[in-house]
Amino acid sequence: MQRFILVRIFHSIIALVAVSIIVFGLGRMSGDPLDTLLDVDATAEDYARVRAYWGLDKPLHIQYLTYIGNFATGKFGESIRFAGQDARELLWQRLPATLELAAIALVVSAIIAVPLGVIVAVKKDTGIDFAGKIVALLGQSLPNFWIALMLMWVFAVQLEWLPTSGRGTWKHLLMPGIALGYFQVAALMRLTRSSMLEVLDTEYVKLARIKGLRESTVIWKHSLRNALIAPITYFGLILGGAMTGSVVIESIFSWPGVGLLAIDALRAKDFSVVQSVVIFFAAIYIGANLLVDIAYAYLDPRIRYTH
């Protein structure tokens, strides 16, 4: 077990380093941030002075090593776009909004997917099962930005029930939460369905039915409890995916989270903030995968011996 965990941690570190190199290179290829920072009448001396202040006059490998060294010590660098504020402080200020949105998306996914997965498993090979497969197909096929725009058009523009943007009341959470969480419904529903089908075919479920227990008790109490092992471990990936996938949704609904911060920083070529946000999101997603791998290894010892 310890060797399995150490190997997984090593792989996670390698993946995180690779992400940092890629985002560093792409950030430098996007253009000169001084073009958006300085006025059009700025002189060459102004460019040289500001470039030296931000360390952009140093060789690329020195800039990368400096950034990695600062990041390892908790210093994410100063923001060019946000008047020299520390990138870490900007990240922490926006993080609660993103966590709030991700939590709502997780709840939306669970509320829709788990009951639907149980129902289609019980009604296997019927019209209900076919309808559930269509819902799963739409969940994986429709992009979340399209769902967000349709929700906004119906509930905000046509019906005028919900606000179009911002953060404040529970009404502001509904549309971005549904748009972000619906994408995960398909995968979670299929996982619940397959787990329920395995459990419904076990001997103790057959014995419970022979004893005369109500079908609802057999399904929702005895079967679902044992079938939730796989979906629960998948919740870690859903949470990581909801946070990393919130960039587009936050931009559409002007939700003041980390995703919107990344968009604003990217437009301004704010290297420190962009790198910090991307590496932060990558660390969350890689960490979620690592925790799920470890959880599976504890739940199923066969996994640790096949790696």
C-alpha atoms as a PDB file:
ATOM      1  CA  MET A   1       0.000   0.000   0.000  1.00  0.00           C
ATOM      2  CA  GLN A   2       2.748   2.483   0.915  1.00  0.00           C
ATOM      3  CA  ARG A   3       4.593   1.828  -2.340  1.00  0.00           C
ATOM      4  CA  PHE A   4       1.378   2.332  -4.308  1.00  0.00           C
ATOM      5  CA  ILE A   5       0.719   5.688  -2.584  1.00  0.00           C
ATOM      6  CA  LEU A   6       4.306   6.878  -3.068  1.00  0.00           C
ATOM      7  CA  VAL A   7       4.214   6.021  -6.779  1.00  0.00           C
ATOM      8  CA  ARG A   8       0.926   7.882  -7.176  1.00  0.00           C
ATOM      9  CA  ILE A   9       2.302  10.935  -5.338  1.00  0.00           C
ATOM     10  CA  PHE A  10       5.396  10.914  -7.565  1.00  0.00           C
ATOM     11  CA  HIS A  11       3.235  10.765 -10.693  1.00  0.00           C
ATOM     12  CA  SER A  12       1.136  13.659  -9.374  1.00  0.00           C
ATOM     13  CA  ILE A  13       4.226  15.805  -8.793  1.00  0.00           C
ATOM     14  CA  ILE A  14       5.510  15.076 -12.308  1.00  0.00           C
ATOM     15  CA  ALA A  15       2.122  16.034 -13.774  1.00  0.00           C
ATOM     16  CA  LEU A  16       2.065  19.276 -11.788  1.00  0.00           C
ATOM     17  CA  VAL A  17       5.572  20.215 -12.955  1.00  0.00           C
ATOM     18  CA  ALA A  18       4.570  19.493 -16.552  1.00  0.00           C
ATOM     19  CA  VAL A  19       1.518  21.754 -16.183  1.00  0.00           C
ATOM     20  CA  SER A  20       3.665  24.553 -14.764  1.00  0.00           C
ATOM     21  CA  ILE A  21       6.070  24.341 -17.729  1.00  0.00           C
ATOM     22  CA  ILE A  22       3.233  24.335 -20.272  1.00  0.00           C
ATOM     23  CA  VAL A  23       1.358  27.270 -18.741  1.00  0.00           C
ATOM     24  CA  PHE A  24       4.609  29.232 -18.337  1.00  0.00           C
ATOM     25  CA  GLY A  25       5.476  28.725 -21.994  1.00  0.00           C
ATOM     26  CA  LEU A  26       1.987  29.492 -23.301  1.00  0.00           C
ATOM     27  CA  GLY A  27       1.795  32.602 -21.143  1.00  0.00           C
ATOM     28  CA  ARG A  28       4.992  33.998 -22.632  1.00  0.00           C
ATOM     29  CA  MET A  29       3.794  33.178 -26.146  1.00  0.00           C
ATOM     30  CA  SER A  30       0.575  35.177 -25.648  1.00  0.00           C
ATOM     31  CA  GLY A  31       2.349  38.537 -25.982  1.00  0.00           C
ATOM     32  CA  ASP A  32       3.917  41.311 -23.983  1.00  0.00           C
ATOM     33  CA  PRO A  33       1.849  42.324 -20.898  1.00  0.00           C
ATOM     34  CA  LEU A  34       3.393  45.776 -20.999  1.00  0.00           C
ATOM     35  CA  ASP A  35       1.335  46.529 -24.104  1.00  0.00           C
ATOM     36  CA  THR A  36      -1.793  46.487 -21.931  1.00  0.00           C
ATOM     37  CA  LEU A  37      -0.133  47.980 -18.857  1.00  0.00           C
ATOM     38  CA  LEU A  38       1.508  51.061 -20.379  1.00  0.00           C
ATOM     39  CA  ASP A  39      -0.022  53.921 -22.328  1.00  0.00           C
ATOM     40  CA  VAL A  40       0.312  54.127 -26.088  1.00  0.00           C
ATOM     41  CA  ASP A  41       2.694  57.077 -25.744  1.00  0.00           C
ATOM     42  CA  ALA A  42       5.095  55.209 -23.425  1.00  0.00           C
ATOM     43  CA  THR A  43       8.752  55.481 -24.398  1.00  0.00           C
ATOM     44  CA  ALA A  44      11.323  52.729 -24.798  1.00  0.00           C
ATOM     45  CA  GLU A  45      12.809  53.786 -21.466  1.00  0.00           C
ATOM     46  CA  ASP A  46       9.423  53.294 -19.802  1.00  0.00           C
ATOM     47  CA  TYR A  47       9.209  49.798 -21.253  1.00  0.00           C
ATOM     48  CA  ALA A  48      12.729  48.928 -20.095  1.00  0.00           C
ATOM     49  CA  ARG A  49      12.134  50.285 -16.600  1.00  0.00           C
ATOM     50  CA  VAL A  50       8.821  48.474 -16.081  1.00  0.00           C
ATOM     51  CA  ARG A  51      10.155  45.268 -17.654  1.00  0.00           C
ATOM     52  CA  ALA A  52      13.087  45.305 -15.237  1.00  0.00           C
ATOM     53  CA  TYR A  53      10.765  45.955 -12.291  1.00  0.00           C
ATOM     54  CA  TRP A  54       8.650  42.892 -13.083  1.00  0.00           C
ATOM     55  CA  GLY A  55      11.675  40.742 -13.909  1.00  0.00           C
ATOM     56  CA  LEU A  56      10.604  40.286 -17.514  1.00  0.00           C
ATOM     57  CA  ASP A  57      14.071  41.261 -18.787  1.00  0.00           C
ATOM     58  CA  LYS A  58      15.647  38.097 -17.405  1.00  0.00           C
ATOM     59  CA  PRO A  59      16.112  34.894 -19.465  1.00  0.00           C
ATOM     60  CA  LEU A  60      13.071  32.624 -19.596  1.00  0.00           C
ATOM     61  CA  HIS A  61      14.652  29.810 -17.611  1.00  0.00           C
ATOM     62  CA  ILE A  62      15.556  32.260 -14.838  1.00  0.00           C
ATOM     63  CA  GLN A  63      11.989  33.586 -14.808  1.00  0.00           C
ATOM     64  CA  TYR A  64      10.642  30.039 -14.576  1.00  0.00           C
ATOM     65  CA  LEU A  65      12.986  28.988 -11.771  1.00  0.00           C
ATOM     66  CA  THR A  66      12.217  32.196  -9.883  1.00  0.00           C
ATOM     67  CA  TYR A  67       8.494  31.572 -10.225  1.00  0.00           C
ATOM     68  CA  ILE A  68       8.742  27.931  -9.114  1.00  0.00           C
ATOM     69  CA  GLY A  69      10.898  28.929  -6.165  1.00  0.00           C
ATOM     70  CA  ASN A  70       8.420  31.596  -5.109  1.00  0.00           C
ATOM     71  CA  PHE A  71       5.476  29.260  -5.621  1.00  0.00           C
ATOM     72  CA  ALA A  72       7.107  26.575  -3.471  1.00  0.00           C
ATOM     73  CA  THR A  73       7.472  29.085  -0.632  1.00  0.00           C
ATOM     74  CA  GLY A  74       3.921  30.384  -0.950  1.00  0.00           C
ATOM     75  CA  LYS A  75       4.763  33.525  -2.935  1.00  0.00           C
ATOM     76  CA  PHE A  76       2.696  33.545  -6.123  1.00  0.00           C
ATOM     77  CA  GLY A  77       4.053  36.866  -7.347  1.00  0.00           C
ATOM     78  CA  GLU A  78       2.568  40.336  -7.846  1.00  0.00           C
ATOM     79  CA  SER A  79      -0.287  40.994 -10.219  1.00  0.00           C
ATOM     80  CA  ILE A  80       0.278  43.294 -13.167  1.00  0.00           C
ATOM     81  CA  ARG A  81      -3.438  43.727 -13.868  1.00  0.00           C
ATOM     82  CA  PHE A  82      -4.573  44.355 -10.280  1.00  0.00           C
ATOM     83  CA  ALA A  83      -2.211  47.137  -9.204  1.00  0.00           C
ATOM     84  CA  GLY A  84       0.558  44.971  -7.796  1.00  0.00           C
ATOM     85  CA  GLN A  85      -1.625  42.929  -5.448  1.00  0.00           C
ATOM     86  CA  ASP A  86      -0.273  39.567  -4.379  1.00  0.00           C
ATOM     87  CA  ALA A  87      -1.597  36.823  -6.661  1.00  0.00           C
ATOM     88  CA  ARG A  88      -2.124  34.541  -3.681  1.00  0.00           C
ATOM     89  CA  GLU A  89      -4.357  37.077  -1.951  1.00  0.00           C
ATOM     90  CA  LEU A  90      -6.397  37.512  -5.128  1.00  0.00           C
ATOM     91  CA  LEU A  91      -6.751  33.749  -5.345  1.00  0.00           C
ATOM     92  CA  TRP A  92      -7.911  33.381  -1.734  1.00  0.00           C
ATOM     93  CA  GLN A  93     -10.346  36.280  -2.098  1.00  0.00           C
ATOM     94  CA  ARG A  94     -12.065  34.643  -5.073  1.00  0.00           C
ATOM     95  CA  LEU A  95     -11.840  31.040  -3.850  1.00  0.00           C
ATOM     96  CA  PRO A  96     -14.968  31.049  -1.585  1.00  0.00           C
ATOM     97  CA  ALA A  97     -17.193  31.989  -4.527  1.00  0.00           C
ATOM     98  CA  THR A  98     -15.777  29.154  -6.652  1.00  0.00           C
ATOM     99  CA  LEU A  99     -16.114  26.664  -3.791  1.00  0.00           C
ATOM    100  CA  GLU A 100     -19.710  27.753  -3.294  1.00  0.00           C
ATOM    101  CA  LEU A 101     -20.499  27.250  -6.964  1.00  0.00           C
ATOM    102  CA  ALA A 102     -18.716  23.870  -7.058  1.00  0.00           C
ATOM    103  CA  ALA A 103     -20.639  22.681  -3.988  1.00  0.00           C
ATOM    104  CA  ILE A 104     -23.954  23.602  -5.610  1.00  0.00           C
ATOM    105  CA  ALA A 105     -22.910  21.814  -8.794  1.00  0.00           C
ATOM    106  CA  LEU A 106     -22.042  18.737  -6.732  1.00  0.00           C
ATOM    107  CA  VAL A 107     -25.457  18.814  -5.039  1.00  0.00           C
ATOM    108  CA  VAL A 108     -27.206  19.253  -8.398  1.00  0.00           C
ATOM    109  CA  SER A 109     -25.297  16.291  -9.838  1.00  0.00           C
ATOM    110  CA  ALA A 110     -26.136  14.056  -6.882  1.00  0.00           C
ATOM    111  CA  ILE A 111     -29.811  15.046  -6.697  1.00  0.00           C
ATOM    112  CA  ILE A 112     -30.385  14.331 -10.389  1.00  0.00           C
ATOM    113  CA  ALA A 113     -27.970  11.497 -11.141  1.00  0.00           C
ATOM    114  CA  VAL A 114     -28.280   9.146  -8.146  1.00  0.00           C
ATOM    115  CA  PRO A 115     -32.094   8.732  -8.131  1.00  0.00           C
ATOM    116  CA  LEU A 116     -32.121   8.574 -11.924  1.00  0.00           C
ATOM    117  CA  GLY A 117     -29.393   5.924 -11.904  1.00  0.00           C
ATOM    118  CA  VAL A 118     -31.372   3.817  -9.411  1.00  0.00           C
ATOM    119  CA  ILE A 119     -34.598   4.114 -11.407  1.00  0.00           C
ATOM    120  CA  VAL A 120     -33.063   3.157 -14.754  1.00  0.00           C
ATOM    121  CA  ALA A 121     -31.297   0.205 -13.105  1.00  0.00           C
ATOM    122  CA  VAL A 122     -34.565  -1.078 -11.647  1.00  0.00           C
ATOM    123  CA  LYS A 123     -36.330  -0.481 -14.986  1.00  0.00           C
ATOM    124  CA  LYS A 124     -33.576  -2.039 -17.070  1.00  0.00           C
ATOM    125  CA  ASP A 125     -34.296  -2.493 -20.803  1.00  0.00           C
ATOM    126  CA  THR A 126     -37.557  -0.539 -20.597  1.00  0.00           C
ATOM    127  CA  GLY A 127     -38.632   2.804 -21.962  1.00  0.00           C
ATOM    128  CA  ILE A 128     -37.497   4.498 -18.752  1.00  0.00           C
ATOM    129  CA  ASP A 129     -34.027   2.994 -19.170  1.00  0.00           C
ATOM    130  CA  PHE A 130     -33.926   4.271 -22.755  1.00  0.00           C
ATOM    131  CA  ALA A 131     -34.984   7.754 -21.630  1.00  0.00           C
ATOM    132  CA  GLY A 132     -32.270   7.706 -18.976  1.00  0.00           C
ATOM    133  CA  LYS A 133     -29.683   6.874 -21.623  1.00  0.00           C
ATOM    134  CA  ILE A 134     -30.873   9.854 -23.655  1.00  0.00           C
ATOM    135  CA  VAL A 135     -30.459  12.116 -20.611  1.00  0.00           C
ATOM    136  CA  ALA A 136     -26.943  10.738 -20.138  1.00  0.00           C
ATOM    137  CA  LEU A 137     -26.112  11.278 -23.803  1.00  0.00           C
ATOM    138  CA  LEU A 138     -27.343  14.870 -23.701  1.00  0.00           C
ATOM    139  CA  GLY A 139     -25.376  15.493 -20.514  1.00  0.00           C
ATOM    140  CA  GLN A 140     -22.131  14.473 -22.198  1.00  0.00           C
ATOM    141  CA  SER A 141     -22.921  16.069 -25.575  1.00  0.00           C
ATOM    142  CA  LEU A 142     -24.293  19.500 -24.716  1.00  0.00           C
ATOM    143  CA  PRO A 143     -21.551  21.966 -23.723  1.00  0.00           C
ATOM    144  CA  ASN A 144     -22.112  23.670 -20.397  1.00  0.00           C
ATOM    145  CA  PHE A 145     -21.880  27.151 -21.924  1.00  0.00           C
ATOM    146  CA  TRP A 146     -24.833  26.308 -24.220  1.00  0.00           C
ATOM    147  CA  ILE A 147     -26.844  25.051 -21.252  1.00  0.00           C
ATOM    148  CA  ALA A 148     -25.929  28.237 -19.371  1.00  0.00           C
ATOM    149  CA  LEU A 149     -27.102  30.452 -22.222  1.00  0.00           C
ATOM    150  CA  MET A 150     -30.365  28.515 -22.607  1.00  0.00           C
ATOM    151  CA  LEU A 151     -31.056  28.742 -18.866  1.00  0.00           C
ATOM    152  CA  MET A 152     -30.355  32.453 -18.969  1.00  0.00           C
ATOM    153  CA  TRP A 153     -32.599  32.974 -21.984  1.00  0.00           C
ATOM    154  CA  VAL A 154     -35.531  31.057 -20.462  1.00  0.00           C
ATOM    155  CA  PHE A 155     -35.422  31.894 -16.744  1.00  0.00           C
ATOM    156  CA  ALA A 156     -33.812  35.339 -16.814  1.00  0.00           C
ATOM    157  CA  VAL A 157     -34.884  36.882 -20.118  1.00  0.00           C
ATOM    158  CA  GLN A 158     -38.238  35.267 -20.904  1.00  0.00           C
ATOM    159  CA  LEU A 159     -39.655  34.444 -17.449  1.00  0.00           C
ATOM    160  CA  GLU A 160     -37.634  37.033 -15.484  1.00  0.00           C
ATOM    161  CA  TRP A 161     -37.464  34.701 -12.495  1.00  0.00           C
ATOM    162  CA  LEU A 162     -33.714  34.722 -11.892  1.00  0.00           C
ATOM    163  CA  PRO A 163     -30.929  37.320 -12.141  1.00  0.00           C
ATOM    164  CA  THR A 164     -28.584  37.075 -15.092  1.00  0.00           C
ATOM    165  CA  SER A 165     -25.310  37.700 -13.280  1.00  0.00           C
ATOM    166  CA  GLY A 166     -23.549  38.453 -10.009  1.00  0.00           C
ATOM    167  CA  ARG A 167     -23.438  36.802  -6.607  1.00  0.00           C
ATOM    168  CA  GLY A 168     -25.683  37.481  -3.665  1.00  0.00           C
ATOM    169  CA  THR A 169     -28.857  35.533  -2.959  1.00  0.00           C
ATOM    170  CA  TRP A 170     -29.699  31.878  -3.580  1.00  0.00           C
ATOM    171  CA  LYS A 171     -31.284  32.905  -6.883  1.00  0.00           C
ATOM    172  CA  HIS A 172     -27.872  33.867  -8.228  1.00  0.00           C
ATOM    173  CA  LEU A 173     -26.656  30.301  -7.579  1.00  0.00           C
ATOM    174  CA  LEU A 174     -29.326  28.330  -9.404  1.00  0.00           C
ATOM    175  CA  MET A 175     -28.476  28.817 -13.067  1.00  0.00           C
ATOM    176  CA  PRO A 176     -24.665  28.612 -12.828  1.00  0.00           C
ATOM    177  CA  GLY A 177     -24.960  25.667 -10.425  1.00  0.00           C
ATOM    178  CA  ILE A 178     -27.239  23.722 -12.758  1.00  0.00           C
ATOM    179  CA  ALA A 179     -25.184  24.566 -15.844  1.00  0.00           C
ATOM    180  CA  LEU A 180     -21.978  23.460 -14.133  1.00  0.00           C
ATOM    181  CA  GLY A 181     -23.395  20.351 -12.481  1.00  0.00           C
ATOM    182  CA  TYR A 182     -25.446  18.923 -15.335  1.00  0.00           C
ATOM    183  CA  PHE A 183     -22.351  17.827 -17.259  1.00  0.00           C
ATOM    184  CA  GLN A 184     -21.446  15.411 -14.446  1.00  0.00           C
ATOM    185  CA  VAL A 185     -24.940  13.920 -14.298  1.00  0.00           C
ATOM    186  CA  ALA A 186     -24.367  11.523 -17.187  1.00  0.00           C
ATOM    187  CA  ALA A 187     -21.207   9.899 -15.829  1.00  0.00           C
ATOM    188  CA  LEU A 188     -22.535   9.692 -12.271  1.00  0.00           C
ATOM    189  CA  MET A 189     -25.858   8.267 -13.460  1.00  0.00           C
ATOM    190  CA  ARG A 190     -24.164   5.540 -15.508  1.00  0.00           C
ATOM    191  CA  LEU A 191     -21.905   4.680 -12.585  1.00  0.00           C
ATOM    192  CA  THR A 192     -24.866   4.448 -10.204  1.00  0.00           C
ATOM    193  CA  ARG A 193     -26.792   2.337 -12.707  1.00  0.00           C
ATOM    194  CA  SER A 194     -23.992  -0.194 -13.202  1.00  0.00           C
ATOM    195  CA  SER A 195     -23.368  -0.436  -9.445  1.00  0.00           C
ATOM    196  CA  MET A 196     -27.069  -0.941  -8.756  1.00  0.00           C
ATOM    197  CA  LEU A 197     -27.323  -3.672 -11.390  1.00  0.00           C
ATOM    198  CA  GLU A 198     -24.482  -5.563  -9.707  1.00  0.00           C
ATOM    199  CA  VAL A 199     -26.038  -5.198  -6.262  1.00  0.00           C
ATOM    200  CA  LEU A 200     -29.552  -6.171  -7.405  1.00  0.00           C
ATOM    201  CA  ASP A 201     -28.142  -9.466  -8.672  1.00  0.00           C
ATOM    202  CA  THR A 202     -26.542 -10.432  -5.333  1.00  0.00           C
ATOM    203  CA  GLU A 203     -27.800 -13.158  -3.026  1.00  0.00           C
ATOM    204  CA  TYR A 204     -28.629 -10.941  -0.057  1.00  0.00           C
ATOM    205  CA  VAL A 205     -30.959  -8.810  -2.190  1.00  0.00           C
ATOM    206  CA  LYS A 206     -32.730 -11.948  -3.407  1.00  0.00           C
ATOM    207  CA  LEU A 207     -32.967 -13.119   0.215  1.00  0.00           C
ATOM    208  CA  ALA A 208     -34.467  -9.777   1.281  1.00  0.00           C
ATOM    209  CA  ARG A 209     -37.144 -10.140  -1.361  1.00  0.00           C
ATOM    210  CA  ILE A 210     -37.856 -13.726  -0.309  1.00  0.00           C
ATOM    211  CA  LYS A 211     -38.369 -12.513   3.265  1.00  0.00           C
ATOM    212  CA  GLY A 212     -41.168 -10.295   1.989  1.00  0.00           C
ATOM    213  CA  LEU A 213     -39.585  -6.872   2.458  1.00  0.00           C
ATOM    214  CA  ARG A 214     -41.167  -4.069   0.507  1.00  0.00           C
ATOM    215  CA  GLU A 215     -39.545  -3.457  -2.878  1.00  0.00           C
ATOM    216  CA  SER A 216     -38.882   0.187  -2.016  1.00  0.00           C
ATOM    217  CA  THR A 217     -37.019  -0.880   1.136  1.00  0.00           C
ATOM    218  CA  VAL A 218     -34.963  -3.419  -0.786  1.00  0.00           C
ATOM    219  CA  ILE A 219     -33.986  -0.893  -3.440  1.00  0.00           C
ATOM    220  CA  TRP A 220     -33.552   2.408  -1.587  1.00  0.00           C
ATOM    221  CA  LYS A 221     -32.224   1.097   1.715  1.00  0.00           C
ATOM    222  CA  HIS A 222     -30.381  -2.187   1.248  1.00  0.00           C
ATOM    223  CA  SER A 223     -29.304  -2.020  -2.408  1.00  0.00           C
ATOM    224  CA  LEU A 224     -28.496   1.674  -2.739  1.00  0.00           C
ATOM    225  CA  ARG A 225     -26.388   1.715   0.423  1.00  0.00           C
ATOM    226  CA  ASN A 226     -24.018  -0.871  -1.040  1.00  0.00           C
ATOM    227  CA  ALA A 227     -24.136   0.510  -4.565  1.00  0.00           C
ATOM    228  CA  LEU A 228     -22.986   3.985  -3.472  1.00  0.00           C
ATOM    229  CA  ILE A 229     -19.372   2.942  -2.844  1.00  0.00           C
ATOM    230  CA  ALA A 230     -18.239   3.620  -6.419  1.00  0.00           C
ATOM    231  CA  PRO A 231     -20.245   6.857  -6.883  1.00  0.00           C
ATOM    232  CA  ILE A 232     -18.966   8.274  -3.593  1.00  0.00           C
ATOM    233  CA  THR A 233     -15.344   7.806  -4.640  1.00  0.00           C
ATOM    234  CA  TYR A 234     -16.224   9.524  -7.913  1.00  0.00           C
ATOM    235  CA  PHE A 235     -17.466  12.593  -6.028  1.00  0.00           C
ATOM    236  CA  GLY A 236     -13.847  13.682  -5.563  1.00  0.00           C
ATOM    237  CA  LEU A 237     -13.394  13.873  -9.321  1.00  0.00           C
ATOM    238  CA  ILE A 238     -16.716  15.679  -9.683  1.00  0.00           C
ATOM    239  CA  LEU A 239     -15.678  18.335  -7.171  1.00  0.00           C
ATOM    240  CA  GLY A 240     -12.309  18.779  -8.855  1.00  0.00           C
ATOM    241  CA  GLY A 241     -13.945  18.916 -12.278  1.00  0.00           C
ATOM    242  CA  ALA A 242     -16.549  21.413 -11.077  1.00  0.00           C
ATOM    243  CA  MET A 243     -13.877  23.778  -9.783  1.00  0.00           C
ATOM    244  CA  THR A 244     -11.597  23.491 -12.805  1.00  0.00           C
ATOM    245  CA  GLY A 245     -14.527  23.686 -15.209  1.00  0.00           C
ATOM    246  CA  SER A 246     -16.019  26.800 -13.667  1.00  0.00           C
ATOM    247  CA  VAL A 247     -14.047  29.254 -15.812  1.00  0.00           C
ATOM    248  CA  VAL A 248     -16.579  29.455 -18.647  1.00  0.00           C
ATOM    249  CA  ILE A 249     -19.623  29.434 -16.356  1.00  0.00           C
ATOM    250  CA  GLU A 250     -18.220  32.160 -14.121  1.00  0.00           C
ATOM    251  CA  SER A 251     -17.469  34.257 -17.182  1.00  0.00           C
ATOM    252  CA  ILE A 252     -21.013  33.876 -18.565  1.00  0.00           C
ATOM    253  CA  PHE A 253     -22.747  34.704 -15.284  1.00  0.00           C
ATOM    254  CA  SER A 254     -20.112  37.233 -14.086  1.00  0.00           C
ATOM    255  CA  TRP A 255     -19.635  35.072 -11.012  1.00  0.00           C
ATOM    256  CA  PRO A 256     -16.764  36.635  -8.988  1.00  0.00           C
ATOM    257  CA  GLY A 257     -14.745  33.445  -8.545  1.00  0.00           C
ATOM    258  CA  VAL A 258     -11.324  32.155  -9.473  1.00  0.00           C
ATOM    259  CA  GLY A 259     -12.466  31.324 -12.999  1.00  0.00           C
ATOM    260  CA  LEU A 260     -13.471  34.917 -13.743  1.00  0.00           C
ATOM    261  CA  LEU A 261     -10.185  36.059 -12.193  1.00  0.00           C
ATOM    262  CA  ALA A 262      -8.351  33.823 -14.677  1.00  0.00           C
ATOM    263  CA  ILE A 263     -10.262  35.341 -17.613  1.00  0.00           C
ATOM    264  CA  ASP A 264      -9.496  38.903 -16.491  1.00  0.00           C
ATOM    265  CA  ALA A 265      -5.828  38.067 -15.931  1.00  0.00           C
ATOM    266  CA  LEU A 266      -5.559  36.306 -19.278  1.00  0.00           C
ATOM    267  CA  ARG A 267      -6.932  39.330 -21.135  1.00  0.00           C
ATOM    268  CA  ALA A 268      -4.353  41.530 -19.405  1.00  0.00           C
ATOM    269  CA  LYS A 269      -1.527  38.984 -19.937  1.00  0.00           C
ATOM    270  CA  ASP A 270      -1.045  38.961 -16.167  1.00  0.00           C
ATOM    271  CA  PHE A 271       1.451  36.093 -16.005  1.00  0.00           C
ATOM    272  CA  SER A 272       1.598  35.713 -12.232  1.00  0.00           C
ATOM    273  CA  VAL A 273      -2.155  35.444 -11.764  1.00  0.00           C
ATOM    274  CA  VAL A 274      -2.726  33.210 -14.805  1.00  0.00           C
ATOM    275  CA  GLN A 275       0.032  30.806 -13.756  1.00  0.00           C
ATOM    276  CA  SER A 276      -1.201  30.769 -10.170  1.00  0.00           C
ATOM    277  CA  VAL A 277      -4.802  30.024 -11.144  1.00  0.00           C
ATOM    278  CA  VAL A 278      -3.899  27.301 -13.648  1.00  0.00           C
ATOM    279  CA  ILE A 279      -1.465  25.569 -11.305  1.00  0.00           C
ATOM    280  CA  PHE A 280      -3.969  25.886  -8.468  1.00  0.00           C
ATOM    281  CA  PHE A 281      -6.706  24.276 -10.584  1.00  0.00           C
ATOM    282  CA  ALA A 282      -4.286  21.597 -11.766  1.00  0.00           C
ATOM    283  CA  ALA A 283      -3.275  20.845  -8.174  1.00  0.00           C
ATOM    284  CA  ILE A 284      -6.922  20.466  -7.173  1.00  0.00           C
ATOM    285  CA  TYR A 285      -7.723  18.117 -10.052  1.00  0.00           C
ATOM    286  CA  ILE A 286      -4.551  16.067  -9.646  1.00  0.00           C
ATOM    287  CA  GLY A 287      -5.097  15.927  -5.883  1.00  0.00           C
ATOM    288  CA  ALA A 288      -8.683  14.753  -6.377  1.00  0.00           C
ATOM    289  CA  ASN A 289      -7.471  11.993  -8.700  1.00  0.00           C
ATOM    290  CA  LEU A 290      -4.827  11.010  -6.168  1.00  0.00           C
ATOM    291  CA  LEU A 291      -7.357  10.773  -3.344  1.00  0.00           C
ATOM    292  CA  VAL A 292      -9.706   8.711  -5.499  1.00  0.00           C
ATOM    293  CA  ASP A 293      -6.876   6.324  -6.428  1.00  0.00           C
ATOM    294  CA  ILE A 294      -5.975   5.890  -2.769  1.00  0.00           C
ATOM    295  CA  ALA A 295      -9.629   5.408  -1.813  1.00  0.00           C
ATOM    296  CA  TYR A 296     -10.050   2.715  -4.470  1.00  0.00           C
ATOM    297  CA  ALA A 297      -6.893   0.982  -3.262  1.00  0.00           C
ATOM    298  CA  TYR A 298      -8.316   0.812   0.258  1.00  0.00           C
ATOM    299  CA  LEU A 299     -11.721  -0.343  -0.954  1.00  0.00           C
ATOM    300  CA  ASP A 300     -10.395  -2.906  -3.436  1.00  0.00           C
ATOM    301  CA  PRO A 301      -6.978  -4.428  -2.563  1.00  0.00           C
ATOM    302  CA  ARG A 302      -6.712  -5.915  -6.069  1.00  0.00           C
ATOM    303  CA  ILE A 303      -6.024  -2.420  -7.476  1.00  0.00           C
ATOM    304  CA  ARG A 304      -2.831  -1.849  -5.512  1.00  0.00           C
ATOM    305  CA  TYR A 305      -1.360  -5.139  -6.697  1.00  0.00           C
ATOM    306  CA  THR A 306      -1.922  -4.403 -10.394  1.00  0.00           C
ATOM    307  CA  HIS A 307       0.219  -1.263 -10.431  1.00  0.00           C
END
